[in-house]
Amino acid sequence: MNTKLATFVVFALAVGLVGNAFAHKSQVIGDYDIEVGWVKEPPVAGKSNSIEITIVKASTGDKKAEKSDHDHNDKKTTEKKTTTKATKTTHEHKTGVKGLAKLLDVDVTLNDKKTTLMMKEDPKKAGTYTGKYTPAGEGHPTVHIYAKIKAKEIEGTFHPEKVKAK
């Protein structure tokens, strides 16, 4: 019994460490799986960086998993679940949603200072958009996204990795 418990603990820690290596946050919102994170990790106060957003069409499995997670969390809290996923594998085999750079309203709030980002589409990665942002100080940023895709509004709030001091 103790061996099984120890194996489970080691596995859980390993999964947690892999997830934190690429601290992008992902949510299924409507018909889309949206992932948000820093281009350069870890983010450092005063150093030029960018927020990266990847938008892909959510699969039926993604929607069911999010609904299951959301239903489970509703019993405990009304806060929407945000999960950490390894960026390199999350959207690797899915086609990104192109042509949204002008439709995305993205702002970052850090230490009560709100900054609106100008988003640009990555020509090499379909559905990936970046907006330049230099964090002014250490802290926990909030990224808010709003867009209208095919006449449907999507809106989400993400909490990417904490900005470290210089």
Protein backbone atom coordinates (compact mmCIF):
# COMPACT_ATOMS: atom_id res chain seq x y z
CA MET A 1 0.00 0.00 0.00
CA ASN A 2 2.78 2.47 0.88
CA THR A 3 4.56 1.70 -2.42
CA LYS A 4 1.43 2.63 -4.38
CA LEU A 5 1.05 5.86 -2.45
CA ALA A 6 4.72 6.77 -2.96
CA THR A 7 4.44 6.02 -6.69
CA PHE A 8 1.36 8.22 -6.95
CA VAL A 9 3.07 11.11 -5.13
CA VAL A 10 6.16 10.90 -7.38
CA PHE A 11 3.96 10.80 -10.49
CA ALA A 12 1.86 13.77 -9.32
CA LEU A 13 4.98 15.83 -8.59
CA ALA A 14 6.50 14.95 -11.98
CA VAL A 15 3.34 15.99 -13.82
CA GLY A 16 3.23 19.24 -11.85
CA LEU A 17 6.84 20.05 -12.70
CA VAL A 18 6.32 19.40 -16.41
CA GLY A 19 3.22 21.60 -16.41
CA ASN A 20 5.11 24.44 -14.75
CA ALA A 21 7.96 24.26 -17.27
CA PHE A 22 5.62 25.89 -19.78
CA ALA A 23 3.28 27.90 -17.60
CA HIS A 24 0.69 28.69 -20.25
CA LYS A 25 -2.91 28.69 -19.06
CA SER A 26 -5.68 27.15 -21.11
CA GLN A 27 -9.49 27.40 -21.05
CA VAL A 28 -12.24 26.14 -23.30
CA ILE A 29 -14.52 29.09 -24.02
CA GLY A 30 -17.48 28.36 -26.25
CA ASP A 31 -16.19 26.52 -29.32
CA TYR A 32 -12.54 27.43 -28.75
CA ASP A 33 -9.61 26.23 -26.69
CA ILE A 34 -7.60 29.32 -25.78
CA GLU A 35 -4.12 29.26 -24.32
CA VAL A 36 -2.30 32.28 -22.86
CA GLY A 37 1.27 32.67 -21.64
CA TRP A 38 4.55 34.53 -21.92
CA VAL A 39 6.80 34.24 -24.97
CA LYS A 40 9.90 34.42 -22.73
CA GLU A 41 9.60 32.45 -19.50
CA PRO A 42 10.06 33.30 -16.75
CA PRO A 43 8.93 36.89 -17.23
CA VAL A 44 11.17 39.47 -15.55
CA ALA A 45 10.22 43.01 -14.54
CA GLY A 46 11.66 45.63 -16.87
CA LYS A 47 12.59 43.14 -19.61
CA SER A 48 10.82 43.24 -22.97
CA ASN A 49 8.46 40.31 -23.46
CA SER A 50 5.20 39.42 -25.18
CA ILE A 51 1.93 37.78 -24.29
CA GLU A 52 1.19 34.81 -26.56
CA ILE A 53 -2.36 33.66 -27.25
CA THR A 54 -3.20 30.53 -29.20
CA ILE A 55 -6.77 29.90 -30.30
CA VAL A 56 -7.83 26.54 -31.73
CA LYS A 57 -11.20 24.98 -32.38
CA ALA A 58 -12.10 22.95 -29.28
CA SER A 59 -12.73 19.28 -29.83
CA THR A 60 -15.74 17.51 -28.36
CA GLY A 61 -13.35 15.93 -25.83
CA ASP A 62 -12.00 19.35 -24.82
CA LYS A 63 -15.53 20.63 -24.24
CA LYS A 64 -16.53 17.56 -22.23
CA ALA A 65 -13.37 17.75 -20.11
CA GLU A 66 -13.93 21.46 -19.41
CA LYS A 67 -17.60 20.85 -18.60
CA SER A 68 -16.67 18.00 -16.28
CA ASP A 69 -14.01 20.13 -14.56
CA HIS A 70 -16.39 23.08 -14.38
CA ASP A 71 -19.25 20.97 -12.96
CA HIS A 72 -16.90 19.52 -10.35
CA ASN A 73 -15.62 22.98 -9.40
CA ASP A 74 -19.13 24.46 -9.24
CA LYS A 75 -19.71 22.37 -6.15
CA LYS A 76 -16.73 24.02 -4.46
CA THR A 77 -16.58 27.49 -6.00
CA THR A 78 -18.02 29.58 -8.79
CA GLU A 79 -14.59 30.55 -10.15
CA LYS A 80 -13.88 29.26 -13.66
CA LYS A 81 -11.15 26.65 -13.81
CA THR A 82 -7.90 27.50 -15.53
CA THR A 83 -5.44 24.71 -16.11
CA THR A 84 -1.73 24.69 -16.74
CA LYS A 85 -0.65 22.79 -19.82
CA ALA A 86 2.66 22.19 -21.52
CA THR A 87 2.64 24.59 -24.48
CA LYS A 88 4.63 22.36 -26.78
CA THR A 89 2.00 19.63 -26.83
CA THR A 90 -1.31 21.32 -26.04
CA HIS A 91 -2.26 22.60 -29.49
CA GLU A 92 0.36 20.79 -31.55
CA HIS A 93 -2.04 18.69 -33.63
CA LYS A 94 -4.91 21.16 -33.88
CA THR A 95 -5.44 23.80 -36.52
CA GLY A 96 -5.35 27.32 -35.17
CA VAL A 97 -8.01 29.92 -35.92
CA LYS A 98 -6.49 32.44 -38.34
CA GLY A 99 -7.28 36.08 -39.04
CA LEU A 100 -8.21 37.28 -35.55
CA ALA A 101 -5.46 39.83 -34.84
CA LYS A 102 -7.75 42.82 -35.46
CA LEU A 103 -10.69 41.18 -33.66
CA LEU A 104 -8.86 40.46 -30.40
CA ASP A 105 -9.16 42.96 -27.57
CA VAL A 106 -6.43 42.02 -25.11
CA ASP A 107 -5.32 43.83 -21.99
CA VAL A 108 -2.88 43.02 -19.23
CA THR A 109 -3.32 44.29 -15.68
CA LEU A 110 -0.29 44.18 -13.41
CA ASN A 111 -0.17 45.96 -10.04
CA ASP A 112 -3.40 47.83 -10.85
CA LYS A 113 -2.00 49.21 -14.13
CA LYS A 114 -3.95 48.18 -17.23
CA THR A 115 -2.24 48.04 -20.65
CA THR A 116 -4.01 47.31 -23.95
CA LEU A 117 -1.98 45.15 -26.34
CA MET A 118 -1.74 45.37 -30.12
CA MET A 119 -1.91 41.76 -31.29
CA LYS A 120 -0.09 40.36 -34.32
CA GLU A 121 -0.60 36.95 -35.87
CA ASP A 122 2.40 34.64 -36.03
CA PRO A 123 2.85 33.78 -39.73
CA LYS A 124 4.49 30.44 -38.82
CA LYS A 125 1.92 29.23 -36.26
CA ALA A 126 -1.73 29.34 -37.31
CA GLY A 127 -3.95 30.74 -34.57
CA THR A 128 -1.08 32.13 -32.49
CA TYR A 129 -1.05 35.84 -31.70
CA THR A 130 1.47 37.94 -29.78
CA GLY A 131 1.34 41.37 -28.19
CA LYS A 132 4.49 43.11 -26.94
CA TYR A 133 4.47 43.86 -23.23
CA THR A 134 7.20 44.87 -20.82
CA PRO A 135 6.14 44.26 -17.22
CA ALA A 136 6.96 47.34 -15.12
CA GLY A 137 7.22 45.44 -11.85
CA GLU A 138 7.00 42.15 -10.05
CA GLY A 139 3.56 40.62 -9.51
CA HIS A 140 0.73 38.44 -10.71
CA PRO A 141 -0.64 39.65 -14.06
CA THR A 142 -4.18 39.21 -15.35
CA VAL A 143 -4.81 38.91 -19.08
CA HIS A 144 -8.32 39.67 -20.29
CA ILE A 145 -9.41 38.65 -23.79
CA TYR A 146 -12.52 39.58 -25.73
CA ALA A 147 -13.36 38.81 -29.36
CA LYS A 148 -16.29 38.15 -31.63
CA ILE A 149 -15.63 35.07 -33.75
CA LYS A 150 -18.25 34.12 -36.33
CA ALA A 151 -20.82 36.33 -34.56
CA LYS A 152 -20.19 34.61 -31.19
CA GLU A 153 -18.63 36.53 -28.35
CA ILE A 154 -15.79 34.95 -26.43
CA GLU A 155 -14.40 36.42 -23.26
CA GLY A 156 -11.93 35.06 -20.78
CA THR A 157 -9.55 36.01 -18.02
CA PHE A 158 -6.21 34.26 -17.62
CA HIS A 159 -3.49 34.39 -14.98
CA PRO A 160 -0.14 33.62 -16.59
CA GLU A 161 3.10 33.07 -14.73
CA LYS A 162 4.11 35.59 -12.06
CA VAL A 163 6.52 38.33 -13.13
CA LYS A 164 9.80 38.06 -11.20
CA ALA A 165 11.88 40.97 -9.92
CA LYS A 166 15.00 42.00 -11.86
